[in-house]
Amino acid sequence: MNRIALIQSVLSLFFIFGTVGDGLTGEPLDQLKATTDKVLAILSDPHLKSPKKDRERKEKILKTVDERFDWEEMARRSLGRHWAQRSPEERRDFVPLFRELLERVYMNKVEGYSWNKILYENELIDGNYASIRVKIFTAKDQTIQVEYRSWKKGEHWLVYDFSVEGVSLINNYRTQFNEIITKSSYSELVKRLKDKSTQK
């Protein structure tokens, strides 16, 4: 499995797998688990399984995801040094484009997976930052090491990145975005993202 496919799969797995007992009870971990449980409840709700309920089910899942992901921070980090060069308006416009990108890539995967297990192995908290290391057991008896990175905003621990077998989601997009901007322009990156958005 290539890096992009691996990252795509694990973002989906984050939302739909149950957990194995592990004794860890830190606040970042508890909030991560709470989000997982909410999505599991939506996916297993018999009233939302009808094809007529597809849109409602997806909206509920995305609303739950929004509660745990810091899209602005993820967008900022994905642009790297190019973020500082953007105007306030450009930044406001880019965040929903980045969110829509992840929504398009991963939403069908979230709904298509069968249940499995995650073992939460370690939680490290350093001030307002935390990392949670987990081991994912797939339906094909494979194991994948993942590290979720979050930071505290108010009372909430929000995910701003995760790495799969050492490969960061944000670094992956930062490399792609930087290549487009460097070879062409920021406007070209925005155009490509908007073009993809209309292909939903």
N, C-alpha and C. Protein backbone atom coordinates (compact mmCIF):
# COMPACT_ATOMS: atom_id res chain seq x y z
N MET A 1 0.85 -1.19 0.00
CA MET A 1 0.00 0.00 0.00
C MET A 1 0.88 1.24 0.00
N ASN A 2 0.64 2.17 -0.93
CA ASN A 2 1.47 3.36 -0.97
C ASN A 2 1.12 4.32 0.15
N ARG A 3 1.95 5.37 0.31
CA ARG A 3 1.78 6.27 1.45
C ARG A 3 0.44 6.97 1.45
N ILE A 4 0.02 7.48 0.29
CA ILE A 4 -1.24 8.22 0.23
C ILE A 4 -2.40 7.32 0.57
N ALA A 5 -2.42 6.12 0.02
CA ALA A 5 -3.51 5.18 0.30
C ALA A 5 -3.52 4.81 1.78
N LEU A 6 -2.35 4.66 2.37
CA LEU A 6 -2.25 4.31 3.78
C LEU A 6 -2.83 5.41 4.64
N ILE A 7 -2.48 6.65 4.34
CA ILE A 7 -2.99 7.79 5.11
C ILE A 7 -4.50 7.92 4.93
N GLN A 8 -4.98 7.74 3.71
CA GLN A 8 -6.42 7.81 3.45
C GLN A 8 -7.16 6.78 4.30
N SER A 9 -6.63 5.58 4.34
CA SER A 9 -7.29 4.52 5.07
C SER A 9 -7.35 4.82 6.56
N VAL A 10 -6.25 5.32 7.11
CA VAL A 10 -6.21 5.51 8.55
C VAL A 10 -7.07 6.67 9.01
N LEU A 11 -7.21 7.72 8.21
CA LEU A 11 -8.12 8.79 8.61
C LEU A 11 -9.53 8.22 8.71
N SER A 12 -9.86 7.32 7.82
CA SER A 12 -11.16 6.68 7.88
C SER A 12 -11.27 5.79 9.10
N LEU A 13 -10.23 5.01 9.37
CA LEU A 13 -10.24 4.09 10.49
C LEU A 13 -10.40 4.83 11.81
N PHE A 14 -9.88 6.03 11.90
CA PHE A 14 -9.98 6.83 13.11
C PHE A 14 -11.43 6.97 13.56
N PHE A 15 -12.34 7.07 12.61
CA PHE A 15 -13.71 7.37 12.94
C PHE A 15 -14.58 6.14 13.19
N ILE A 16 -14.18 4.96 12.76
CA ILE A 16 -15.16 3.89 12.78
C ILE A 16 -14.77 2.65 13.58
N PHE A 17 -13.64 2.66 14.23
CA PHE A 17 -13.25 1.48 14.97
C PHE A 17 -13.50 1.61 16.46
N GLY A 18 -13.89 0.49 17.05
CA GLY A 18 -14.03 0.45 18.50
C GLY A 18 -12.67 0.36 19.14
N THR A 19 -12.64 0.30 20.48
CA THR A 19 -11.36 0.30 21.18
C THR A 19 -11.17 -0.95 22.03
N VAL A 20 -9.92 -1.23 22.30
CA VAL A 20 -9.56 -2.33 23.17
C VAL A 20 -9.21 -1.73 24.52
N GLY A 21 -9.61 -2.38 25.62
CA GLY A 21 -9.30 -1.86 26.95
C GLY A 21 -7.80 -1.68 27.14
N ASP A 22 -7.40 -0.52 27.70
CA ASP A 22 -5.99 -0.25 27.80
C ASP A 22 -5.60 0.50 29.08
N GLY A 23 -6.56 0.96 29.86
CA GLY A 23 -6.24 1.60 31.13
C GLY A 23 -5.84 3.06 31.01
N LEU A 24 -5.72 3.60 29.81
CA LEU A 24 -5.37 5.00 29.64
C LEU A 24 -6.62 5.87 29.80
N THR A 25 -6.49 6.96 30.55
CA THR A 25 -7.67 7.77 30.83
C THR A 25 -7.41 9.27 30.73
N GLY A 26 -6.37 9.69 30.02
CA GLY A 26 -6.08 11.11 29.90
C GLY A 26 -7.16 11.85 29.12
N GLU A 27 -7.25 13.15 29.36
CA GLU A 27 -8.28 13.97 28.73
C GLU A 27 -8.22 13.94 27.20
N PRO A 28 -7.04 14.11 26.56
CA PRO A 28 -6.99 14.04 25.09
C PRO A 28 -7.51 12.72 24.56
N LEU A 29 -7.12 11.64 25.21
CA LEU A 29 -7.56 10.31 24.79
C LEU A 29 -9.06 10.14 24.98
N ASP A 30 -9.57 10.61 26.11
CA ASP A 30 -11.01 10.50 26.36
C ASP A 30 -11.81 11.21 25.29
N GLN A 31 -11.36 12.40 24.90
CA GLN A 31 -12.09 13.15 23.89
C GLN A 31 -12.00 12.50 22.52
N LEU A 32 -10.85 11.90 22.23
CA LEU A 32 -10.68 11.17 20.97
C LEU A 32 -11.65 10.00 20.91
N LYS A 33 -11.74 9.26 22.00
CA LYS A 33 -12.64 8.12 22.08
C LYS A 33 -14.10 8.56 21.96
N ALA A 34 -14.42 9.69 22.58
CA ALA A 34 -15.80 10.18 22.54
C ALA A 34 -16.24 10.46 21.11
N THR A 35 -15.34 11.04 20.32
CA THR A 35 -15.66 11.31 18.92
C THR A 35 -15.87 10.01 18.15
N THR A 36 -15.00 9.04 18.38
CA THR A 36 -15.13 7.74 17.73
C THR A 36 -16.47 7.11 18.06
N ASP A 37 -16.86 7.17 19.34
CA ASP A 37 -18.13 6.57 19.76
C ASP A 37 -19.32 7.25 19.09
N LYS A 38 -19.26 8.56 18.93
CA LYS A 38 -20.36 9.29 18.29
C LYS A 38 -20.53 8.83 16.84
N VAL A 39 -19.41 8.68 16.13
CA VAL A 39 -19.50 8.27 14.73
C VAL A 39 -20.00 6.83 14.62
N LEU A 40 -19.53 5.98 15.53
CA LEU A 40 -20.01 4.59 15.55
C LEU A 40 -21.52 4.56 15.75
N ALA A 41 -22.02 5.41 16.62
CA ALA A 41 -23.46 5.44 16.88
C ALA A 41 -24.23 5.87 15.64
N ILE A 42 -23.68 6.83 14.90
CA ILE A 42 -24.34 7.29 13.67
C ILE A 42 -24.34 6.18 12.63
N LEU A 43 -23.21 5.50 12.46
CA LEU A 43 -23.11 4.45 11.45
C LEU A 43 -23.98 3.25 11.77
N SER A 44 -24.23 3.01 13.05
CA SER A 44 -25.02 1.84 13.44
C SER A 44 -26.49 2.17 13.67
N ASP A 45 -26.88 3.44 13.53
CA ASP A 45 -28.27 3.85 13.74
C ASP A 45 -29.14 3.28 12.62
N PRO A 46 -30.07 2.39 12.95
CA PRO A 46 -30.90 1.77 11.91
C PRO A 46 -31.76 2.78 11.15
N HIS A 47 -32.07 3.91 11.77
CA HIS A 47 -32.89 4.93 11.11
C HIS A 47 -32.11 5.71 10.05
N LEU A 48 -30.78 5.52 10.03
CA LEU A 48 -29.96 6.27 9.07
C LEU A 48 -29.34 5.37 8.00
N LYS A 49 -29.74 4.10 7.97
CA LYS A 49 -29.14 3.16 7.03
C LYS A 49 -29.79 3.18 5.65
N SER A 50 -30.97 3.74 5.54
CA SER A 50 -31.67 3.80 4.25
C SER A 50 -30.92 4.72 3.29
N PRO A 51 -30.88 4.35 1.98
CA PRO A 51 -30.24 5.23 0.98
C PRO A 51 -30.83 6.64 1.00
N LYS A 52 -32.10 6.76 1.39
CA LYS A 52 -32.73 8.07 1.46
C LYS A 52 -32.12 8.93 2.57
N LYS A 53 -31.42 8.27 3.49
CA LYS A 53 -30.82 8.96 4.63
C LYS A 53 -29.33 9.23 4.44
N ASP A 54 -28.83 8.97 3.21
CA ASP A 54 -27.39 9.13 2.97
C ASP A 54 -26.89 10.54 3.32
N ARG A 55 -27.60 11.53 2.83
CA ARG A 55 -27.17 12.91 3.07
C ARG A 55 -27.21 13.26 4.55
N GLU A 56 -28.28 12.88 5.22
CA GLU A 56 -28.41 13.16 6.65
C GLU A 56 -27.31 12.47 7.45
N ARG A 57 -27.02 11.20 7.08
CA ARG A 57 -25.98 10.44 7.78
C ARG A 57 -24.61 11.11 7.60
N LYS A 58 -24.30 11.51 6.37
CA LYS A 58 -23.02 12.15 6.11
C LYS A 58 -22.89 13.48 6.85
N GLU A 59 -23.98 14.24 6.88
CA GLU A 59 -23.95 15.53 7.58
C GLU A 59 -23.70 15.34 9.07
N LYS A 60 -24.30 14.31 9.64
CA LYS A 60 -24.11 14.04 11.07
C LYS A 60 -22.66 13.61 11.35
N ILE A 61 -22.11 12.81 10.45
CA ILE A 61 -20.72 12.37 10.63
C ILE A 61 -19.78 13.56 10.54
N LEU A 62 -19.99 14.40 9.52
CA LEU A 62 -19.12 15.56 9.33
C LEU A 62 -19.22 16.54 10.49
N LYS A 63 -20.41 16.71 11.04
CA LYS A 63 -20.58 17.59 12.19
C LYS A 63 -19.79 17.07 13.38
N THR A 64 -19.80 15.75 13.55
CA THR A 64 -19.05 15.14 14.64
C THR A 64 -17.55 15.29 14.43
N VAL A 65 -17.12 15.09 13.20
CA VAL A 65 -15.70 15.24 12.87
C VAL A 65 -15.24 16.67 13.13
N ASP A 66 -16.08 17.62 12.77
CA ASP A 66 -15.74 19.04 12.97
C ASP A 66 -15.46 19.36 14.42
N GLU A 67 -16.09 18.63 15.33
CA GLU A 67 -15.90 18.88 16.75
C GLU A 67 -14.52 18.47 17.24
N ARG A 68 -13.84 17.61 16.49
CA ARG A 68 -12.56 17.08 16.97
C ARG A 68 -11.37 17.53 16.12
N PHE A 69 -11.61 18.03 14.91
CA PHE A 69 -10.51 18.44 14.03
C PHE A 69 -10.39 19.95 13.98
N ASP A 70 -9.18 20.45 14.07
CA ASP A 70 -8.91 21.88 13.93
C ASP A 70 -8.54 22.14 12.48
N TRP A 71 -9.55 22.41 11.67
CA TRP A 71 -9.33 22.55 10.23
C TRP A 71 -8.43 23.73 9.90
N GLU A 72 -8.58 24.84 10.64
CA GLU A 72 -7.74 26.00 10.36
C GLU A 72 -6.27 25.70 10.63
N GLU A 73 -6.00 25.03 11.72
CA GLU A 73 -4.61 24.70 12.03
C GLU A 73 -4.05 23.70 11.03
N MET A 74 -4.85 22.75 10.62
CA MET A 74 -4.42 21.78 9.62
C MET A 74 -4.14 22.47 8.29
N ALA A 75 -5.02 23.39 7.91
CA ALA A 75 -4.83 24.13 6.66
C ALA A 75 -3.56 24.97 6.72
N ARG A 76 -3.36 25.65 7.85
CA ARG A 76 -2.17 26.49 8.02
C ARG A 76 -0.90 25.66 7.89
N ARG A 77 -0.87 24.55 8.56
CA ARG A 77 0.32 23.70 8.52
C ARG A 77 0.52 23.07 7.14
N SER A 78 -0.57 22.80 6.44
CA SER A 78 -0.44 22.19 5.11
C SER A 78 0.17 23.16 4.10
N LEU A 79 -0.05 24.47 4.31
CA LEU A 79 0.55 25.46 3.42
C LEU A 79 1.97 25.83 3.84
N GLY A 80 2.33 25.53 5.08
CA GLY A 80 3.69 25.82 5.54
C GLY A 80 4.03 27.30 5.41
N ARG A 81 5.17 27.58 4.82
CA ARG A 81 5.66 28.96 4.69
C ARG A 81 4.75 29.82 3.82
N HIS A 82 3.95 29.20 2.98
CA HIS A 82 3.06 29.97 2.09
C HIS A 82 1.88 30.58 2.85
N TRP A 83 1.57 30.06 4.01
CA TRP A 83 0.47 30.61 4.81
C TRP A 83 0.75 32.06 5.20
N ALA A 84 1.98 32.35 5.59
CA ALA A 84 2.34 33.70 6.03
C ALA A 84 2.19 34.72 4.91
N GLN A 85 2.23 34.25 3.68
CA GLN A 85 2.13 35.15 2.53
C GLN A 85 0.69 35.40 2.10
N ARG A 86 -0.24 34.74 2.73
CA ARG A 86 -1.64 34.86 2.36
C ARG A 86 -2.31 35.99 3.14
N SER A 87 -3.24 36.65 2.50
CA SER A 87 -4.02 37.70 3.16
C SER A 87 -5.05 37.05 4.08
N PRO A 88 -5.61 37.81 5.03
CA PRO A 88 -6.65 37.25 5.90
C PRO A 88 -7.81 36.65 5.11
N GLU A 89 -8.18 37.30 4.02
CA GLU A 89 -9.27 36.78 3.18
C GLU A 89 -8.89 35.47 2.51
N GLU A 90 -7.65 35.39 2.01
CA GLU A 90 -7.19 34.15 1.37
C GLU A 90 -7.16 33.01 2.38
N ARG A 91 -6.75 33.31 3.59
CA ARG A 91 -6.72 32.28 4.63
C ARG A 91 -8.13 31.78 4.94
N ARG A 92 -9.06 32.71 5.08
CA ARG A 92 -10.45 32.32 5.37
C ARG A 92 -11.02 31.45 4.25
N ASP A 93 -10.67 31.77 3.01
CA ASP A 93 -11.18 31.00 1.87
C ASP A 93 -10.52 29.63 1.75
N PHE A 94 -9.25 29.53 2.18
CA PHE A 94 -8.52 28.28 1.99
C PHE A 94 -8.97 27.20 2.96
N VAL A 95 -9.32 27.57 4.18
CA VAL A 95 -9.68 26.58 5.20
C VAL A 95 -10.83 25.68 4.76
N PRO A 96 -11.97 26.23 4.28
CA PRO A 96 -13.04 25.32 3.83
C PRO A 96 -12.66 24.50 2.60
N LEU A 97 -11.78 25.03 1.76
CA LEU A 97 -11.32 24.25 0.61
C LEU A 97 -10.53 23.04 1.07
N PHE A 98 -9.69 23.24 2.08
CA PHE A 98 -8.91 22.13 2.62
C PHE A 98 -9.83 21.10 3.28
N ARG A 99 -10.80 21.58 4.02
CA ARG A 99 -11.75 20.68 4.67
C ARG A 99 -12.50 19.87 3.62
N GLU A 100 -12.96 20.52 2.55
CA GLU A 100 -13.69 19.82 1.49
C GLU A 100 -12.81 18.78 0.80
N LEU A 101 -11.52 19.08 0.69
CA LEU A 101 -10.59 18.13 0.08
C LEU A 101 -10.58 16.82 0.87
N LEU A 102 -10.42 16.93 2.19
CA LEU A 102 -10.41 15.74 3.02
C LEU A 102 -11.76 15.05 3.03
N GLU A 103 -12.83 15.85 3.00
CA GLU A 103 -14.17 15.27 2.97
C GLU A 103 -14.37 14.42 1.73
N ARG A 104 -13.97 14.93 0.57
CA ARG A 104 -14.14 14.19 -0.69
C ARG A 104 -13.33 12.90 -0.68
N VAL A 105 -12.10 13.00 -0.20
CA VAL A 105 -11.19 11.86 -0.27
C VAL A 105 -11.60 10.74 0.68
N TYR A 106 -12.10 11.12 1.86
CA TYR A 106 -12.26 10.12 2.91
C TYR A 106 -13.69 9.73 3.25
N MET A 107 -14.68 10.51 2.85
CA MET A 107 -16.03 10.25 3.33
C MET A 107 -16.54 8.88 2.92
N ASN A 108 -16.36 8.51 1.67
CA ASN A 108 -16.83 7.21 1.22
C ASN A 108 -16.12 6.07 1.95
N LYS A 109 -14.85 6.28 2.28
CA LYS A 109 -14.11 5.26 3.00
C LYS A 109 -14.66 5.08 4.42
N VAL A 110 -15.03 6.19 5.06
CA VAL A 110 -15.57 6.11 6.41
C VAL A 110 -16.82 5.25 6.42
N GLU A 111 -17.70 5.47 5.45
CA GLU A 111 -18.96 4.74 5.42
C GLU A 111 -18.80 3.30 4.94
N GLY A 112 -17.70 3.01 4.27
CA GLY A 112 -17.55 1.69 3.68
C GLY A 112 -16.83 0.66 4.52
N TYR A 113 -16.18 1.10 5.60
CA TYR A 113 -15.41 0.16 6.40
C TYR A 113 -16.29 -0.65 7.34
N SER A 114 -15.84 -1.88 7.62
CA SER A 114 -16.47 -2.69 8.64
C SER A 114 -15.76 -2.42 9.97
N TRP A 115 -16.38 -2.80 11.05
CA TRP A 115 -15.82 -2.50 12.37
C TRP A 115 -14.57 -3.33 12.64
N ASN A 116 -13.69 -2.78 13.45
CA ASN A 116 -12.51 -3.50 13.90
C ASN A 116 -12.06 -2.89 15.20
N LYS A 117 -10.79 -3.05 15.56
CA LYS A 117 -10.32 -2.61 16.88
C LYS A 117 -9.10 -1.69 16.80
N ILE A 118 -9.00 -0.83 17.82
CA ILE A 118 -7.82 0.01 18.00
C ILE A 118 -7.31 -0.21 19.41
N LEU A 119 -6.02 -0.37 19.55
CA LEU A 119 -5.40 -0.44 20.86
C LEU A 119 -4.68 0.88 21.12
N TYR A 120 -5.13 1.62 22.13
CA TYR A 120 -4.47 2.86 22.50
C TYR A 120 -3.26 2.51 23.35
N GLU A 121 -2.08 2.74 22.83
CA GLU A 121 -0.86 2.27 23.47
C GLU A 121 -0.22 3.29 24.40
N ASN A 122 -0.30 4.57 24.03
CA ASN A 122 0.45 5.56 24.80
C ASN A 122 -0.14 6.95 24.59
N GLU A 123 -0.16 7.73 25.65
CA GLU A 123 -0.60 9.11 25.58
C GLU A 123 0.45 9.98 26.26
N LEU A 124 0.94 10.99 25.52
CA LEU A 124 1.94 11.89 26.07
C LEU A 124 1.39 13.31 26.02
N ILE A 125 1.40 13.99 27.16
CA ILE A 125 0.90 15.37 27.24
C ILE A 125 2.05 16.28 27.63
N ASP A 126 2.25 17.33 26.83
CA ASP A 126 3.29 18.31 27.10
C ASP A 126 2.66 19.70 27.03
N GLY A 127 2.22 20.19 28.19
CA GLY A 127 1.53 21.48 28.21
C GLY A 127 0.21 21.40 27.47
N ASN A 128 0.08 22.23 26.44
CA ASN A 128 -1.15 22.25 25.65
C ASN A 128 -1.09 21.36 24.42
N TYR A 129 -0.08 20.51 24.34
CA TYR A 129 0.05 19.60 23.21
C TYR A 129 0.04 18.15 23.70
N ALA A 130 -0.47 17.29 22.86
CA ALA A 130 -0.55 15.87 23.23
C ALA A 130 -0.40 15.00 22.00
N SER A 131 0.12 13.81 22.22
CA SER A 131 0.18 12.81 21.15
C SER A 131 -0.38 11.51 21.70
N ILE A 132 -1.12 10.82 20.87
CA ILE A 132 -1.73 9.55 21.25
C ILE A 132 -1.30 8.50 20.24
N ARG A 133 -0.60 7.52 20.71
CA ARG A 133 -0.13 6.45 19.83
C ARG A 133 -1.08 5.27 19.91
N VAL A 134 -1.48 4.80 18.75
CA VAL A 134 -2.42 3.68 18.71
C VAL A 134 -1.94 2.63 17.72
N LYS A 135 -2.44 1.44 17.92
CA LYS A 135 -2.19 0.35 16.98
C LYS A 135 -3.54 -0.07 16.42
N ILE A 136 -3.67 -0.01 15.10
CA ILE A 136 -4.92 -0.37 14.44
C ILE A 136 -4.83 -1.79 13.89
N PHE A 137 -5.84 -2.58 14.22
CA PHE A 137 -5.91 -3.95 13.71
C PHE A 137 -6.95 -3.97 12.59
N THR A 138 -6.50 -4.23 11.38
CA THR A 138 -7.41 -4.20 10.23
C THR A 138 -8.12 -5.54 10.07
N ALA A 139 -9.11 -5.54 9.18
CA ALA A 139 -9.88 -6.75 8.93
C ALA A 139 -9.04 -7.84 8.28
N LYS A 140 -7.88 -7.44 7.71
CA LYS A 140 -7.01 -8.41 7.04
C LYS A 140 -5.85 -8.83 7.94
N ASP A 141 -6.05 -8.68 9.26
CA ASP A 141 -5.05 -9.07 10.24
C ASP A 141 -3.73 -8.32 10.10
N GLN A 142 -3.80 -7.10 9.59
CA GLN A 142 -2.63 -6.25 9.54
C GLN A 142 -2.66 -5.30 10.73
N THR A 143 -1.49 -4.82 11.13
CA THR A 143 -1.43 -3.81 12.18
C THR A 143 -0.76 -2.56 11.63
N ILE A 144 -1.30 -1.40 11.99
CA ILE A 144 -0.77 -0.13 11.51
C ILE A 144 -0.53 0.77 12.71
N GLN A 145 0.66 1.34 12.81
CA GLN A 145 1.00 2.25 13.89
C GLN A 145 0.62 3.68 13.51
N VAL A 146 -0.12 4.33 14.37
CA VAL A 146 -0.58 5.69 14.11
C VAL A 146 -0.32 6.56 15.33
N GLU A 147 0.04 7.81 15.08
CA GLU A 147 0.19 8.78 16.16
C GLU A 147 -0.66 10.00 15.84
N TYR A 148 -1.64 10.27 16.69
CA TYR A 148 -2.48 11.45 16.53
C TYR A 148 -1.89 12.59 17.34
N ARG A 149 -1.85 13.77 16.76
CA ARG A 149 -1.33 14.95 17.45
C ARG A 149 -2.46 15.95 17.65
N SER A 150 -2.59 16.41 18.87
CA SER A 150 -3.66 17.36 19.17
C SER A 150 -3.13 18.48 20.06
N TRP A 151 -3.89 19.56 20.13
CA TRP A 151 -3.54 20.63 21.03
C TRP A 151 -4.81 21.17 21.66
N LYS A 152 -4.63 21.80 22.83
CA LYS A 152 -5.79 22.22 23.62
C LYS A 152 -6.20 23.64 23.26
N LYS A 153 -7.48 23.79 22.93
CA LYS A 153 -8.07 25.10 22.66
C LYS A 153 -9.29 25.20 23.56
N GLY A 154 -9.19 26.02 24.59
CA GLY A 154 -10.27 26.08 25.56
C GLY A 154 -10.33 24.78 26.33
N GLU A 155 -11.48 24.13 26.30
CA GLU A 155 -11.65 22.85 27.00
C GLU A 155 -11.50 21.65 26.07
N HIS A 156 -11.17 21.92 24.82
CA HIS A 156 -11.16 20.85 23.83
C HIS A 156 -9.76 20.54 23.31
N TRP A 157 -9.49 19.24 23.13
CA TRP A 157 -8.26 18.79 22.50
C TRP A 157 -8.58 18.49 21.04
N LEU A 158 -8.01 19.27 20.13
CA LEU A 158 -8.32 19.16 18.71
C LEU A 158 -7.16 18.56 17.92
N VAL A 159 -7.48 17.64 17.04
CA VAL A 159 -6.46 17.00 16.20
C VAL A 159 -6.00 17.97 15.12
N TYR A 160 -4.68 18.13 15.00
CA TYR A 160 -4.14 19.00 13.94
C TYR A 160 -3.24 18.23 12.98
N ASP A 161 -2.96 16.98 13.29
CA ASP A 161 -2.14 16.15 12.39
C ASP A 161 -2.13 14.73 12.91
N PHE A 162 -1.81 13.78 12.06
CA PHE A 162 -1.50 12.43 12.51
C PHE A 162 -0.52 11.81 11.54
N SER A 163 0.24 10.86 12.03
CA SER A 163 1.21 10.17 11.18
C SER A 163 0.89 8.69 11.14
N VAL A 164 1.11 8.09 9.99
CA VAL A 164 0.87 6.68 9.76
C VAL A 164 2.20 6.02 9.41
N GLU A 165 2.65 5.12 10.28
CA GLU A 165 3.95 4.50 10.08
C GLU A 165 5.02 5.56 9.83
N GLY A 166 4.92 6.68 10.56
CA GLY A 166 5.91 7.74 10.45
C GLY A 166 5.66 8.75 9.36
N VAL A 167 4.59 8.57 8.59
CA VAL A 167 4.27 9.49 7.49
C VAL A 167 3.16 10.43 7.93
N SER A 168 3.44 11.72 7.97
CA SER A 168 2.49 12.72 8.44
C SER A 168 1.50 13.12 7.35
N LEU A 169 0.21 13.19 7.72
CA LEU A 169 -0.81 13.66 6.79
C LEU A 169 -0.50 15.08 6.33
N ILE A 170 -0.18 15.96 7.29
CA ILE A 170 0.07 17.36 6.95
C ILE A 170 1.33 17.51 6.10
N ASN A 171 2.38 16.80 6.45
CA ASN A 171 3.60 16.88 5.65
C ASN A 171 3.35 16.40 4.23
N ASN A 172 2.50 15.39 4.09
CA ASN A 172 2.18 14.86 2.77
C ASN A 172 1.51 15.94 1.91
N TYR A 173 0.50 16.62 2.48
CA TYR A 173 -0.17 17.68 1.73
C TYR A 173 0.73 18.90 1.54
N ARG A 174 1.56 19.20 2.54
CA ARG A 174 2.45 20.35 2.42
C ARG A 174 3.39 20.17 1.23
N THR A 175 3.89 18.96 1.04
CA THR A 175 4.77 18.69 -0.09
C THR A 175 4.04 18.88 -1.41
N GLN A 176 2.81 18.36 -1.49
CA GLN A 176 2.03 18.49 -2.73
C GLN A 176 1.70 19.95 -3.02
N PHE A 177 1.23 20.67 -1.99
CA PHE A 177 0.84 22.07 -2.19
C PHE A 177 2.04 22.94 -2.54
N ASN A 178 3.16 22.70 -1.88
CA ASN A 178 4.37 23.49 -2.15
C ASN A 178 4.83 23.30 -3.59
N GLU A 179 4.73 22.07 -4.07
CA GLU A 179 5.15 21.79 -5.45
C GLU A 179 4.28 22.56 -6.45
N ILE A 180 2.98 22.58 -6.21
CA ILE A 180 2.08 23.30 -7.12
C ILE A 180 2.34 24.80 -7.08
N ILE A 181 2.47 25.34 -5.87
CA ILE A 181 2.70 26.78 -5.72
C ILE A 181 4.04 27.19 -6.32
N THR A 182 5.07 26.39 -6.07
CA THR A 182 6.41 26.72 -6.55
C THR A 182 6.49 26.65 -8.07
N LYS A 183 5.89 25.62 -8.64
CA LYS A 183 5.95 25.45 -10.09
C LYS A 183 4.97 26.35 -10.82
N SER A 184 3.90 26.74 -10.15
CA SER A 184 2.88 27.56 -10.79
C SER A 184 2.58 28.78 -9.93
N SER A 185 1.56 28.67 -9.07
CA SER A 185 1.19 29.80 -8.21
C SER A 185 0.19 29.33 -7.16
N TYR A 186 -0.01 30.16 -6.16
CA TYR A 186 -1.02 29.86 -5.15
C TYR A 186 -2.40 29.85 -5.80
N SER A 187 -2.61 30.75 -6.73
CA SER A 187 -3.90 30.82 -7.43
C SER A 187 -4.20 29.51 -8.15
N GLU A 188 -3.16 28.88 -8.69
CA GLU A 188 -3.35 27.61 -9.38
C GLU A 188 -3.76 26.52 -8.39
N LEU A 189 -3.18 26.53 -7.20
CA LEU A 189 -3.57 25.56 -6.18
C LEU A 189 -5.04 25.73 -5.82
N VAL A 190 -5.45 26.96 -5.59
CA VAL A 190 -6.85 27.24 -5.25
C VAL A 190 -7.77 26.81 -6.38
N LYS A 191 -7.37 27.08 -7.62
CA LYS A 191 -8.18 26.70 -8.77
C LYS A 191 -8.37 25.19 -8.81
N ARG A 192 -7.29 24.44 -8.58
CA ARG A 192 -7.40 22.97 -8.61
C ARG A 192 -8.33 22.47 -7.51
N LEU A 193 -8.21 23.06 -6.33
CA LEU A 193 -9.06 22.63 -5.22
C LEU A 193 -10.52 22.95 -5.51
N LYS A 194 -10.78 24.12 -6.08
CA LYS A 194 -12.15 24.49 -6.42
C LYS A 194 -12.72 23.62 -7.53
N ASP A 195 -11.87 23.29 -8.51
CA ASP A 195 -12.31 22.42 -9.60
C ASP A 195 -12.71 21.04 -9.05
N LYS A 196 -11.94 20.54 -8.11
CA LYS A 196 -12.26 19.24 -7.53
C LYS A 196 -13.53 19.32 -6.71
N SER A 197 -13.74 20.48 -6.07
CA SER A 197 -14.92 20.65 -5.24
C SER A 197 -16.19 20.57 -6.07
N THR A 198 -16.14 21.05 -7.31
CA THR A 198 -17.34 21.01 -8.16
C THR A 198 -17.59 19.63 -8.74
N GLN A 199 -16.64 18.71 -8.54
CA GLN A 199 -16.77 17.35 -9.07
C GLN A 199 -17.38 16.39 -8.05
N LYS A 200 -17.90 16.90 -6.93
CA LYS A 200 -18.51 16.06 -5.90
C LYS A 200 -19.62 15.20 -6.48
